[in-house]
């Protein structure tokens, strides 16, 4: 049925629920897990040439550390269930686009992701990466609440 399941995470409790369900689905179907987190690039009004190399290095290191921590939860859950897992870090201004890029790159059959459950004005103002993935995905998306 499924061979590759993409599980995006931002490290929240909501995503932990999606990780659990995605791992259960992978175990049932014999699929592998691809865990992905999307780190947005740092944007400042300062031209890149004017940012001291030491500060840029600190930012890159902290971003990589944060991504590794988020992806560790996916790897741990998959390994505990005996499911093959690969983790990747993507970068982009729009997480939904990076998620779909990762799904295509890793030949995912399905995306299992969380919904933060925002409604009304807060959903409109903050946007919904899950909604954007649902709108633009060409593969099935399982939304976990």
Foldseek 3Di string as FASTA:
>chain_A
DWAEEEQEWPQDPQSLQLLLVSLVVCLVVVHAYEYEYEDEDDDDPDPPVPDDPVVVVVVVVVSVVSRCVGCVSSVVSNVVSVHHYHYDYHYHPQVLVRSQVVCVVVVGQEYRYEWPPDDDPVCVVVPTSLVVNVVPPPHYYHYDD
